[in-house]
Amino acid sequence: MKKIGFLSFGHWSTSSQSATRSASDVLLQSIDLAVAAEELGADGAYFRVHHFAQQLASPFPLLAAVGARTSRIEIGTGVIDMRYENPFYMAEDAGAADLISRGRLQLGISRGSPEQVVEGWRHFGYAPAEGESDADMGRRHAEVLLELLKGEGFAQPSPNPMFPNPPGLLRLEPHAPGLRQRIWWGSSSNATAVWAAQQGMNLQSSTLKADESCEPLHIQQAKQIRLYRQAWKDAGHAGEPRVSVSRSIFALMNDRDRAYFGRGESSDQIGVIDNMRAVFGRSYAAEPEQLIAQLRADEGIAEADTLLLTVPNQLGVAYNAHVIDSILTHVAPALGWR
């Protein structure tokens, strides 16, 4: 395991039990948690994106703010729903956030997850083309974004520009060199993992996957990752791709940890999501030594190079920093981290 970061879904609630009562609370605490995670030695601060929900939604102002407050930690998303995105505007926003962070942006994108509203992307002005599904539309938007991030000129300059132009066709600005190689695709199936490899994107695999073999999530995920790596090799891409998996992992260090998460061992769950039979991965919560043994048996973690810890953001910055620190200090070294 080369890198360990956190993944926040950015929930807020007016409940008296929540440390995040508003969108403002979530945004400001997300920045503070990224700063704390960097100080603890974590490698990444990643944020989920959901529209029409009391969760984080517009990632680029947050990513830019985190980039300005930190100096080392990777900042990223897991994932942005490309059905909602204008690839041209997104390329500009992503370029700006990456430049502010000095090249630390790791941008996770995908076709998206089940929605809060019916066909929410239509409210953003997007609709599938004739004969195209909404998933096809998301992948098409992604392909346009990947092309734009190459930084090649494509737009004919005006003969009477307001400001002087460089010679040749113009590209979108600001351009962030190297960002094209730091795009990740969030894949729930073997087929889309292979497609991501063919497109030259890194792979994000979460705690939810299409149930394609009726095996535990971690076994199916390991097979998915191996298929992805083979497809990358077959496509002839240079270098080694990166692969992340996300997990809910809690080291039970004190009575508060045990009160929150010490409810006995959990197991994978099977359900139907977007008319797809899916397997939902278990949570891990145990004393450090027991946790180490459990995680060593997780084949998905073994195949990946990056582990993202899903954090209970509504419990506040201090407690989530404790959760991250407990894993980094008492569990991660035994898994080969650092």
Protein backbone atom coordinates (compact mmCIF):
# COMPACT_ATOMS: atom_id res chain seq x y z
CA MET A 1 0.00 0.00 0.00
CA LYS A 2 1.68 3.17 -1.24
CA LYS A 3 -0.82 5.89 -0.32
CA ILE A 4 -3.62 6.35 2.21
CA GLY A 5 -6.09 9.22 2.15
CA PHE A 6 -9.60 9.99 3.28
CA LEU A 7 -12.86 10.26 1.35
CA SER A 8 -15.63 12.50 2.69
CA PHE A 9 -19.21 12.44 1.47
CA GLY A 10 -19.73 15.85 3.04
CA HIS A 11 -23.10 15.30 4.71
CA TRP A 12 -24.78 17.96 6.78
CA SER A 13 -27.90 17.83 8.90
CA THR A 14 -29.75 20.09 11.33
CA SER A 15 -29.81 17.20 13.83
CA SER A 16 -28.42 18.04 17.26
CA GLN A 17 -26.17 14.99 16.86
CA SER A 18 -24.40 16.49 13.83
CA ALA A 19 -21.27 18.64 13.96
CA THR A 20 -22.12 19.84 10.46
CA ARG A 21 -25.43 21.71 10.56
CA SER A 22 -25.09 23.58 7.26
CA ALA A 23 -23.33 23.63 3.91
CA SER A 24 -21.00 26.27 5.31
CA ASP A 25 -20.04 23.94 8.16
CA VAL A 26 -19.24 21.11 5.75
CA LEU A 27 -17.17 23.23 3.40
CA LEU A 28 -15.10 24.90 6.11
CA GLN A 29 -14.62 21.68 8.07
CA SER A 30 -13.59 19.86 4.88
CA ILE A 31 -10.76 22.36 4.45
CA ASP A 32 -9.75 22.01 8.10
CA LEU A 33 -9.80 18.20 7.90
CA ALA A 34 -7.55 18.25 4.83
CA VAL A 35 -5.09 20.47 6.70
CA ALA A 36 -5.20 18.15 9.72
CA ALA A 37 -4.77 15.05 7.53
CA GLU A 38 -1.72 16.56 5.88
CA GLU A 39 -0.20 17.31 9.29
CA LEU A 40 -0.84 13.68 10.31
CA GLY A 41 1.01 12.43 7.23
CA ALA A 42 -1.93 11.23 5.14
CA ASP A 43 -1.47 11.21 1.39
CA GLY A 44 -4.84 12.36 0.08
CA ALA A 45 -7.99 14.40 0.76
CA TYR A 46 -10.85 13.30 -1.49
CA PHE A 47 -14.44 14.51 -1.65
CA ARG A 48 -17.64 12.98 -3.01
CA VAL A 49 -19.97 14.97 -5.27
CA HIS A 50 -23.78 14.63 -5.09
CA HIS A 51 -26.33 17.01 -6.62
CA PHE A 52 -29.72 17.93 -5.11
CA ALA A 53 -28.62 16.59 -1.71
CA GLN A 54 -27.39 18.01 1.60
CA GLN A 55 -23.87 16.94 0.68
CA LEU A 56 -20.86 18.38 -1.11
CA ALA A 57 -21.78 19.23 -4.70
CA SER A 58 -19.57 21.89 -6.37
CA PRO A 59 -16.03 20.53 -5.97
CA PHE A 60 -13.76 23.10 -7.56
CA PRO A 61 -14.07 26.00 -5.07
CA LEU A 62 -13.43 23.47 -2.27
CA LEU A 63 -10.48 21.85 -4.07
CA ALA A 64 -8.93 25.25 -4.78
CA ALA A 65 -9.33 26.30 -1.15
CA VAL A 66 -7.78 23.05 0.10
CA GLY A 67 -4.97 23.47 -2.40
CA ALA A 68 -4.27 26.96 -1.12
CA ARG A 69 -4.22 25.86 2.55
CA THR A 70 -2.03 22.76 2.07
CA SER A 71 1.32 22.06 0.44
CA ARG A 72 1.81 18.32 0.04
CA ILE A 73 -1.37 16.26 0.27
CA GLU A 74 -3.13 15.10 -2.90
CA ILE A 75 -6.57 16.61 -3.38
CA GLY A 76 -9.25 14.91 -5.37
CA THR A 77 -12.79 13.79 -6.00
CA GLY A 78 -14.45 10.44 -5.81
CA VAL A 79 -16.37 11.06 -8.08
CA ILE A 80 -17.81 13.85 -10.24
CA ASP A 81 -20.89 12.76 -12.21
CA MET A 82 -20.05 13.59 -15.83
CA ARG A 83 -23.71 13.54 -16.89
CA TYR A 84 -23.98 16.96 -15.21
CA GLU A 85 -20.80 18.50 -16.58
CA ASN A 86 -19.90 20.86 -19.39
CA PRO A 87 -16.44 19.46 -20.26
CA PHE A 88 -15.19 22.83 -21.53
CA TYR A 89 -16.06 24.78 -18.39
CA MET A 90 -14.88 21.86 -16.26
CA ALA A 91 -11.49 21.85 -17.98
CA GLU A 92 -11.02 25.51 -17.02
CA ASP A 93 -12.12 24.98 -13.41
CA ALA A 94 -9.96 21.88 -13.03
CA GLY A 95 -6.98 23.64 -14.57
CA ALA A 96 -7.30 26.53 -12.12
CA ALA A 97 -7.65 24.22 -9.08
CA ASP A 98 -4.65 22.18 -10.18
CA LEU A 99 -2.47 25.26 -10.66
CA ILE A 100 -3.46 26.63 -7.26
CA SER A 101 -2.44 23.32 -5.68
CA ARG A 102 0.75 23.21 -7.76
CA GLY A 103 -0.12 19.99 -9.55
CA ARG A 104 -1.70 17.98 -6.73
CA LEU A 105 -5.19 17.49 -8.21
CA GLN A 106 -6.35 13.88 -8.65
CA LEU A 107 -9.68 14.20 -10.43
CA GLY A 108 -12.07 11.27 -10.07
CA ILE A 109 -14.92 11.29 -12.58
CA SER A 110 -17.61 8.79 -13.59
CA ARG A 111 -21.03 8.19 -15.04
CA GLY A 112 -22.37 8.93 -11.59
CA SER A 113 -24.42 7.27 -8.89
CA PRO A 114 -28.15 6.92 -8.17
CA GLU A 115 -29.72 10.35 -7.96
CA GLN A 116 -31.83 12.32 -5.52
CA VAL A 117 -34.14 13.45 -8.32
CA VAL A 118 -35.39 12.00 -11.58
CA GLU A 119 -32.93 12.67 -14.43
CA GLY A 120 -31.32 15.54 -12.58
CA TRP A 121 -28.86 16.17 -15.40
CA ARG A 122 -31.76 17.50 -17.51
CA HIS A 123 -32.09 20.41 -15.06
CA PHE A 124 -28.44 21.22 -15.82
CA GLY A 125 -29.27 21.44 -19.53
CA TYR A 126 -28.01 18.02 -20.71
CA ALA A 127 -29.82 15.20 -22.46
CA PRO A 128 -28.58 12.04 -24.16
CA ALA A 129 -28.29 12.16 -27.94
CA GLU A 130 -30.51 10.04 -30.15
CA GLY A 131 -29.93 6.38 -29.34
CA GLU A 132 -27.69 7.25 -26.36
CA SER A 133 -28.25 6.38 -22.69
CA ASP A 134 -27.45 8.76 -19.85
CA ALA A 135 -24.40 6.58 -19.04
CA ASP A 136 -23.27 6.91 -22.66
CA MET A 137 -23.66 10.67 -22.35
CA GLY A 138 -21.52 10.70 -19.21
CA ARG A 139 -18.76 8.75 -20.95
CA ARG A 140 -18.98 11.05 -23.98
CA HIS A 141 -18.55 14.11 -21.76
CA ALA A 142 -15.55 12.39 -20.16
CA GLU A 143 -13.93 11.72 -23.53
CA VAL A 144 -14.30 15.40 -24.48
CA LEU A 145 -12.75 16.45 -21.17
CA LEU A 146 -9.78 14.11 -21.68
CA GLU A 147 -9.16 15.60 -25.12
CA LEU A 148 -9.35 19.18 -23.82
CA LEU A 149 -6.90 18.46 -21.00
CA LYS A 150 -4.20 17.58 -23.52
CA GLY A 151 -3.83 21.33 -24.02
CA GLU A 152 -3.86 21.25 -27.82
CA GLY A 153 -5.29 24.19 -29.75
CA PHE A 154 -8.65 23.67 -31.45
CA ALA A 155 -10.46 27.05 -31.62
CA GLN A 156 -10.03 29.45 -34.53
CA PRO A 157 -8.76 32.82 -33.20
CA SER A 158 -10.72 35.96 -33.96
CA PRO A 159 -9.21 38.20 -36.65
CA ASN A 160 -9.94 41.16 -34.36
CA PRO A 161 -9.24 39.94 -30.82
CA MET A 162 -9.49 42.12 -27.74
CA PHE A 163 -5.96 41.02 -26.77
CA PRO A 164 -3.10 39.68 -28.90
CA ASN A 165 -3.23 35.92 -29.52
CA PRO A 166 -0.36 33.46 -29.77
CA PRO A 167 0.02 31.91 -33.23
CA GLY A 168 -2.17 28.99 -34.28
CA LEU A 169 -5.36 27.54 -32.89
CA LEU A 170 -6.25 28.41 -29.30
CA ARG A 171 -6.78 26.08 -26.35
CA LEU A 172 -8.70 26.59 -23.13
CA GLU A 173 -6.91 28.45 -20.37
CA PRO A 174 -5.64 28.04 -17.77
CA HIS A 175 -3.97 24.85 -18.91
CA ALA A 176 -2.56 22.57 -16.19
CA PRO A 177 0.32 20.45 -17.54
CA GLY A 178 0.13 16.84 -16.42
CA LEU A 179 -3.48 16.92 -15.24
CA ARG A 180 -4.55 14.62 -18.08
CA GLN A 181 -2.46 11.87 -16.45
CA ARG A 182 -4.20 12.45 -13.10
CA ILE A 183 -7.76 11.67 -14.18
CA TRP A 184 -9.45 8.67 -12.53
CA TRP A 185 -12.59 6.80 -13.57
CA GLY A 186 -14.91 5.49 -10.87
CA SER A 187 -15.95 2.07 -12.09
CA SER A 188 -18.63 -0.26 -10.71
CA SER A 189 -18.24 -2.99 -13.34
CA ASN A 190 -15.51 -4.97 -15.03
CA ALA A 191 -16.46 -3.60 -18.45
CA THR A 192 -16.14 0.07 -17.45
CA ALA A 193 -12.84 -0.67 -15.70
CA VAL A 194 -11.51 -2.05 -19.00
CA TRP A 195 -12.89 1.02 -20.82
CA ALA A 196 -11.14 3.32 -18.33
CA ALA A 197 -7.84 1.54 -18.98
CA GLN A 198 -8.30 1.90 -22.73
CA GLN A 199 -8.88 5.63 -22.24
CA GLY A 200 -5.69 5.97 -20.19
CA MET A 201 -7.39 6.87 -16.92
CA ASN A 202 -6.51 5.70 -13.43
CA LEU A 203 -9.09 3.53 -11.65
CA GLN A 204 -11.24 4.22 -8.59
CA SER A 205 -13.18 1.27 -7.17
CA SER A 206 -15.44 1.91 -4.21
CA THR A 207 -17.33 -0.13 -1.63
CA LEU A 208 -20.07 -0.79 -4.17
CA LYS A 209 -19.70 -2.92 -7.29
CA ALA A 210 -21.90 -4.72 -9.78
CA ASP A 211 -22.32 -8.26 -8.47
CA GLU A 212 -20.85 -10.11 -11.45
CA SER A 213 -19.79 -13.41 -9.82
CA CYS A 214 -21.67 -13.72 -6.49
CA GLU A 215 -18.34 -13.57 -4.63
CA PRO A 216 -17.40 -11.22 -1.78
CA LEU A 217 -16.75 -7.62 -2.83
CA HIS A 218 -13.01 -7.73 -2.17
CA ILE A 219 -12.56 -10.78 -4.42
CA GLN A 220 -14.63 -9.31 -7.25
CA GLN A 221 -12.78 -6.03 -6.85
CA ALA A 222 -9.38 -7.74 -7.08
CA LYS A 223 -10.46 -9.45 -10.30
CA GLN A 224 -11.70 -6.12 -11.65
CA ILE A 225 -8.35 -4.48 -10.89
CA ARG A 226 -6.42 -7.28 -12.59
CA LEU A 227 -8.62 -6.97 -15.69
CA TYR A 228 -8.02 -3.21 -15.66
CA ARG A 229 -4.23 -3.58 -15.43
CA GLN A 230 -4.21 -6.09 -18.28
CA ALA A 231 -6.34 -3.77 -20.43
CA TRP A 232 -3.93 -0.91 -19.68
CA LYS A 233 -1.01 -3.07 -20.81
CA ASP A 234 -2.89 -4.22 -23.93
CA ALA A 235 -3.64 -0.60 -24.85
CA GLY A 236 0.10 0.15 -24.91
CA HIS A 237 0.01 3.06 -22.47
CA ALA A 238 3.29 4.19 -20.98
CA GLY A 239 3.92 3.97 -17.25
CA GLU A 240 1.95 2.27 -14.50
CA PRO A 241 -1.64 3.29 -13.76
CA ARG A 242 -2.86 4.02 -10.26
CA VAL A 243 -5.74 2.21 -8.58
CA SER A 244 -7.62 3.21 -5.44
CA VAL A 245 -10.17 1.36 -3.36
CA SER A 246 -12.28 2.87 -0.60
CA ARG A 247 -13.18 1.25 2.70
CA SER A 248 -14.92 2.13 5.96
CA ILE A 249 -12.23 1.23 8.53
CA PHE A 250 -12.21 2.13 12.21
CA ALA A 251 -9.58 1.21 14.78
CA LEU A 252 -11.25 0.84 18.18
CA MET A 253 -8.85 2.78 20.38
CA ASN A 254 -11.14 4.07 23.15
CA ASP A 255 -14.65 3.91 24.55
CA ARG A 256 -15.93 6.54 22.16
CA ASP A 257 -14.74 4.51 19.15
CA ARG A 258 -16.40 1.41 20.60
CA ALA A 259 -19.63 3.32 21.24
CA TYR A 260 -19.75 4.59 17.66
CA PHE A 261 -18.51 1.55 15.73
CA GLY A 262 -17.98 -1.46 18.01
CA ARG A 263 -21.13 -3.32 17.05
CA GLY A 264 -19.59 -6.62 16.02
CA GLU A 265 -18.34 -7.82 12.67
CA SER A 266 -20.25 -6.72 9.58
CA SER A 267 -20.55 -8.48 6.24
CA ASP A 268 -21.12 -7.63 2.58
CA GLN A 269 -24.68 -6.82 1.56
CA ILE A 270 -26.49 -7.52 -1.70
CA GLY A 271 -28.99 -5.06 -3.12
CA VAL A 272 -30.43 -3.58 -6.29
CA ILE A 273 -29.28 -0.11 -7.29
CA ASP A 274 -30.23 1.55 -10.59
CA ASN A 275 -31.73 -1.79 -11.70
CA MET A 276 -28.33 -3.43 -11.14
CA ARG A 277 -27.64 -6.20 -8.67
CA ALA A 278 -24.83 -4.83 -6.55
CA VAL A 279 -22.60 -5.97 -3.72
CA PHE A 280 -21.91 -3.47 -0.94
CA GLY A 281 -18.69 -3.97 0.95
CA ARG A 282 -18.51 -4.56 4.68
CA SER A 283 -17.18 -2.09 7.23
CA TYR A 284 -14.13 -2.89 9.33
CA ALA A 285 -14.10 -1.99 13.03
CA ALA A 286 -11.82 -3.77 15.51
CA GLU A 287 -8.83 -3.47 17.80
CA PRO A 288 -5.69 -2.66 15.74
CA GLU A 289 -4.15 -6.16 15.74
CA GLN A 290 -7.41 -7.79 14.72
CA LEU A 291 -7.96 -5.07 12.13
CA ILE A 292 -4.54 -5.69 10.59
CA ALA A 293 -5.33 -9.40 10.16
CA GLN A 294 -8.69 -8.61 8.55
CA LEU A 295 -7.25 -6.06 6.13
CA ARG A 296 -4.39 -8.35 5.11
CA ALA A 297 -7.06 -10.80 3.91
CA ASP A 298 -8.77 -8.14 1.77
CA GLU A 299 -7.74 -8.94 -1.82
CA GLY A 300 -9.00 -5.62 -3.19
CA ILE A 301 -6.76 -3.66 -0.86
CA ALA A 302 -3.84 -5.92 -1.76
CA GLU A 303 -4.29 -5.23 -5.49
CA ALA A 304 -4.60 -1.44 -5.14
CA ASP A 305 -1.88 1.12 -4.50
CA THR A 306 -4.12 3.70 -2.81
CA LEU A 307 -6.60 3.24 0.05
CA LEU A 308 -9.26 5.87 0.73
CA LEU A 309 -10.79 5.82 4.21
CA THR A 310 -14.42 6.91 4.18
CA VAL A 311 -14.87 9.21 7.16
CA PRO A 312 -17.96 10.06 9.23
CA ASN A 313 -17.70 13.77 8.52
CA GLN A 314 -20.71 14.70 10.68
CA LEU A 315 -18.71 13.75 13.79
CA GLY A 316 -16.47 16.78 13.34
CA VAL A 317 -12.88 17.56 12.41
CA ALA A 318 -11.21 16.53 15.68
CA TYR A 319 -12.83 13.10 15.79
CA ASN A 320 -12.16 12.41 12.12
CA ALA A 321 -8.53 13.42 12.55
CA HIS A 322 -8.41 10.87 15.39
CA VAL A 323 -9.91 8.20 13.07
CA ILE A 324 -7.29 8.90 10.41
CA ASP A 325 -4.42 9.09 12.88
CA SER A 326 -5.41 5.78 14.49
CA ILE A 327 -5.19 4.00 11.13
CA LEU A 328 -1.97 5.69 10.05
CA THR A 329 -0.24 5.05 13.37
CA HIS A 330 -1.49 1.65 14.48
CA VAL A 331 -2.62 -0.20 11.33
CA ALA A 332 -1.13 1.16 8.10
CA PRO A 333 2.57 0.36 8.77
CA ALA A 334 1.70 -3.34 9.12
CA LEU A 335 0.09 -3.19 5.66
CA GLY A 336 3.29 -1.93 4.06
CA TRP A 337 2.49 1.79 4.09
CA ARG A 338 5.68 3.89 4.27
